[in-house]
Structures are given as C-alpha cells and as structure tokens.
Amino acid sequence: MTRDHPNIVVIGSAIHERAILQAIRTLGHERVCFGSDMPFFLMHARLAMYEALLRDFEPEARECVLGGNILRLLEGEKQTLGRTAAAGVSFRP
C-alpha cells in the first residue's frame, strides 16, 4: 500500500531489521527514516544496527535514512505552518 502513495514516508521504529531493509529497497532511501525504538531499546544500539544495515548503501542513502529525511519532512512542515500563519490562520483554540 505504501508503495502506491509516494507522499508516505515510513519510520523504522519497532520494526524488524529485515523489514527496514525491504522498505529501503522497495520504497527507496528517500522514504525511510531512522527510528530509535526509544524508550524500549537503547538509542546507541539501534543507531549501530541502522549503520550496519546501511553499510552497503551509498553515503547519500545513509545520510537520508539516518536524519536527512526527517529533517526534510520537518522543514517542509515548518514552511507549511509559516504559510498558514502568514495567511492569518490560527491553530489556537
């Protein structure tokens, strides 16, 4: 289902490592984000797992999955909120 909707990005939190690799190969590295599984797992251990999973990928793929994708999404959200505020729309109750 996710494959058919290019606007969906997945976060690999509480997901088996094979599923993360499959998501990267199926959806592309631009649509998968690192998930630490905090507070259930140690963040440094999950980061080490992701780094091991991504070792055979190009540096760009590693950078995207380990932080670039979520940064891109958050920057886009920030711009959307800025445009909404400039238009005079408020989210306050």
C-alpha atoms as a PDB file:
ATOM      1  CA  MET A   1       0.000   0.000   0.000  1.00  0.00           C
ATOM      2  CA  THR A   2       2.761   2.457   0.905  1.00  0.00           C
ATOM      3  CA  ARG A   3       4.417   1.816  -2.442  1.00  0.00           C
ATOM      4  CA  ASP A   4       1.348   3.250  -4.196  1.00  0.00           C
ATOM      5  CA  HIS A   5       1.407   6.525  -2.233  1.00  0.00           C
ATOM      6  CA  PRO A   6       4.647   8.461  -2.794  1.00  0.00           C
ATOM      7  CA  ASN A   7       3.770  11.036  -0.133  1.00  0.00           C
ATOM      8  CA  ILE A   8       4.061   8.433   2.656  1.00  0.00           C
ATOM      9  CA  VAL A   9       7.383   8.152   4.477  1.00  0.00           C
ATOM     10  CA  VAL A  10       7.958   5.356   6.993  1.00  0.00           C
ATOM     11  CA  ILE A  11       9.855   5.429  10.270  1.00  0.00           C
ATOM     12  CA  GLY A  12      11.545   2.156  11.188  1.00  0.00           C
ATOM     13  CA  SER A  13      10.613   2.165  14.863  1.00  0.00           C
ATOM     14  CA  ALA A  14       9.757  -1.185  16.472  1.00  0.00           C
ATOM     15  CA  ILE A  15      10.323  -2.858  13.094  1.00  0.00           C
ATOM     16  CA  HIS A  16      12.487  -5.900  12.380  1.00  0.00           C
ATOM     17  CA  GLU A  17      15.728  -5.090  10.575  1.00  0.00           C
ATOM     18  CA  ARG A  18      14.779  -7.179   7.538  1.00  0.00           C
ATOM     19  CA  ALA A  19      11.609  -5.136   7.129  1.00  0.00           C
ATOM     20  CA  ILE A  20      13.674  -1.930   7.265  1.00  0.00           C
ATOM     21  CA  LEU A  21      15.961  -3.208   4.512  1.00  0.00           C
ATOM     22  CA  GLN A  22      12.961  -4.279   2.434  1.00  0.00           C
ATOM     23  CA  ALA A  23      11.398  -0.825   2.860  1.00  0.00           C
ATOM     24  CA  ILE A  24      14.596   0.872   1.703  1.00  0.00           C
ATOM     25  CA  ARG A  25      14.878  -1.410  -1.316  1.00  0.00           C
ATOM     26  CA  THR A  26      11.178  -1.193  -2.205  1.00  0.00           C
ATOM     27  CA  LEU A  27      10.368   2.447  -1.435  1.00  0.00           C
ATOM     28  CA  GLY A  28      13.819   3.967  -1.830  1.00  0.00           C
ATOM     29  CA  HIS A  29      16.056   5.551   0.767  1.00  0.00           C
ATOM     30  CA  GLU A  30      14.192   8.879   0.395  1.00  0.00           C
ATOM     31  CA  ARG A  31      11.120   7.406   2.095  1.00  0.00           C
ATOM     32  CA  VAL A  32      12.573   5.640   5.153  1.00  0.00           C
ATOM     33  CA  CYS A  33      13.604   7.303   8.425  1.00  0.00           C
ATOM     34  CA  PHE A  34      15.659   6.055  11.353  1.00  0.00           C
ATOM     35  CA  GLY A  35      13.578   5.034  14.355  1.00  0.00           C
ATOM     36  CA  SER A  36      15.299   4.568  17.707  1.00  0.00           C
ATOM     37  CA  ASP A  37      12.578   2.484  19.392  1.00  0.00           C
ATOM     38  CA  MET A  38      13.053   4.602  22.494  1.00  0.00           C
ATOM     39  CA  PRO A  39      12.307   4.017  25.329  1.00  0.00           C
ATOM     40  CA  PHE A  40      12.216   0.267  24.672  1.00  0.00           C
ATOM     41  CA  PHE A  41      15.719  -0.037  23.228  1.00  0.00           C
ATOM     42  CA  LEU A  42      18.955   1.858  23.746  1.00  0.00           C
ATOM     43  CA  MET A  43      19.312   4.548  21.108  1.00  0.00           C
ATOM     44  CA  HIS A  44      23.015   3.938  20.509  1.00  0.00           C
ATOM     45  CA  ALA A  45      22.328   0.234  19.935  1.00  0.00           C
ATOM     46  CA  ARG A  46      19.561   0.958  17.397  1.00  0.00           C
ATOM     47  CA  LEU A  47      21.752   3.526  15.650  1.00  0.00           C
ATOM     48  CA  ALA A  48      24.548   0.945  15.407  1.00  0.00           C
ATOM     49  CA  MET A  49      22.047  -1.512  13.911  1.00  0.00           C
ATOM     50  CA  TYR A  50      20.969   1.025  11.277  1.00  0.00           C
ATOM     51  CA  GLU A  51      24.580   1.838  10.456  1.00  0.00           C
ATOM     52  CA  ALA A  52      25.262  -1.882   9.974  1.00  0.00           C
ATOM     53  CA  LEU A  53      22.162  -2.284   7.796  1.00  0.00           C
ATOM     54  CA  LEU A  54      23.180   0.669   5.642  1.00  0.00           C
ATOM     55  CA  ARG A  55      26.871  -0.186   5.256  1.00  0.00           C
ATOM     56  CA  ASP A  56      26.452  -1.451   1.678  1.00  0.00           C
ATOM     57  CA  PHE A  57      24.390   1.547   0.564  1.00  0.00           C
ATOM     58  CA  GLU A  58      25.733   4.769  -0.922  1.00  0.00           C
ATOM     59  CA  PRO A  59      26.624   7.569   1.541  1.00  0.00           C
ATOM     60  CA  GLU A  60      23.627   9.593   0.315  1.00  0.00           C
ATOM     61  CA  ALA A  61      21.260   6.771   1.311  1.00  0.00           C
ATOM     62  CA  ARG A  62      22.814   6.530   4.772  1.00  0.00           C
ATOM     63  CA  GLU A  63      22.567  10.299   5.266  1.00  0.00           C
ATOM     64  CA  CYS A  64      18.928  10.328   4.173  1.00  0.00           C
ATOM     65  CA  VAL A  65      17.795   7.447   6.372  1.00  0.00           C
ATOM     66  CA  LEU A  66      19.797   8.486   9.442  1.00  0.00           C
ATOM     67  CA  GLY A  67      18.488  12.037   9.580  1.00  0.00           C
ATOM     68  CA  GLY A  68      18.154  13.779   6.243  1.00  0.00           C
ATOM     69  CA  ASN A  69      14.655  12.507   5.502  1.00  0.00           C
ATOM     70  CA  ILE A  70      13.142  13.511   8.825  1.00  0.00           C
ATOM     71  CA  LEU A  71      14.855  16.897   8.591  1.00  0.00           C
ATOM     72  CA  ARG A  72      13.396  17.391   5.103  1.00  0.00           C
ATOM     73  CA  LEU A  73       9.922  16.491   6.380  1.00  0.00           C
ATOM     74  CA  LEU A  74      10.165  18.777   9.398  1.00  0.00           C
ATOM     75  CA  GLU A  75      11.453  21.650   7.295  1.00  0.00           C
ATOM     76  CA  GLY A  76       8.510  21.149   4.943  1.00  0.00           C
ATOM     77  CA  GLU A  77       6.118  21.186   7.892  1.00  0.00           C
ATOM     78  CA  LYS A  78       7.757  24.354   9.205  1.00  0.00           C
ATOM     79  CA  GLN A  79       7.251  26.032   5.822  1.00  0.00           C
ATOM     80  CA  THR A  80       3.635  24.878   5.707  1.00  0.00           C
ATOM     81  CA  LEU A  81       2.971  26.306   9.175  1.00  0.00           C
ATOM     82  CA  GLY A  82       4.684  29.548   8.159  1.00  0.00           C
ATOM     83  CA  ARG A  83       2.450  29.903   5.093  1.00  0.00           C
ATOM     84  CA  THR A  84      -0.618  29.140   7.199  1.00  0.00           C
ATOM     85  CA  ALA A  85       0.330  31.758   9.783  1.00  0.00           C
ATOM     86  CA  ALA A  86       1.031  34.310   7.044  1.00  0.00           C
ATOM     87  CA  ALA A  87      -2.454  33.665   5.682  1.00  0.00           C
ATOM     88  CA  GLY A  88      -3.904  34.586   9.086  1.00  0.00           C
ATOM     89  CA  VAL A  89      -4.988  31.073  10.050  1.00  0.00           C
ATOM     90  CA  SER A  90      -4.533  30.197  13.709  1.00  0.00           C
ATOM     91  CA  PHE A  91      -4.380  26.771  15.319  1.00  0.00           C
ATOM     92  CA  ARG A  92      -5.123  28.091  18.791  1.00  0.00           C
ATOM     93  CA  PRO A  93      -8.480  27.141  20.377  1.00  0.00           C
END
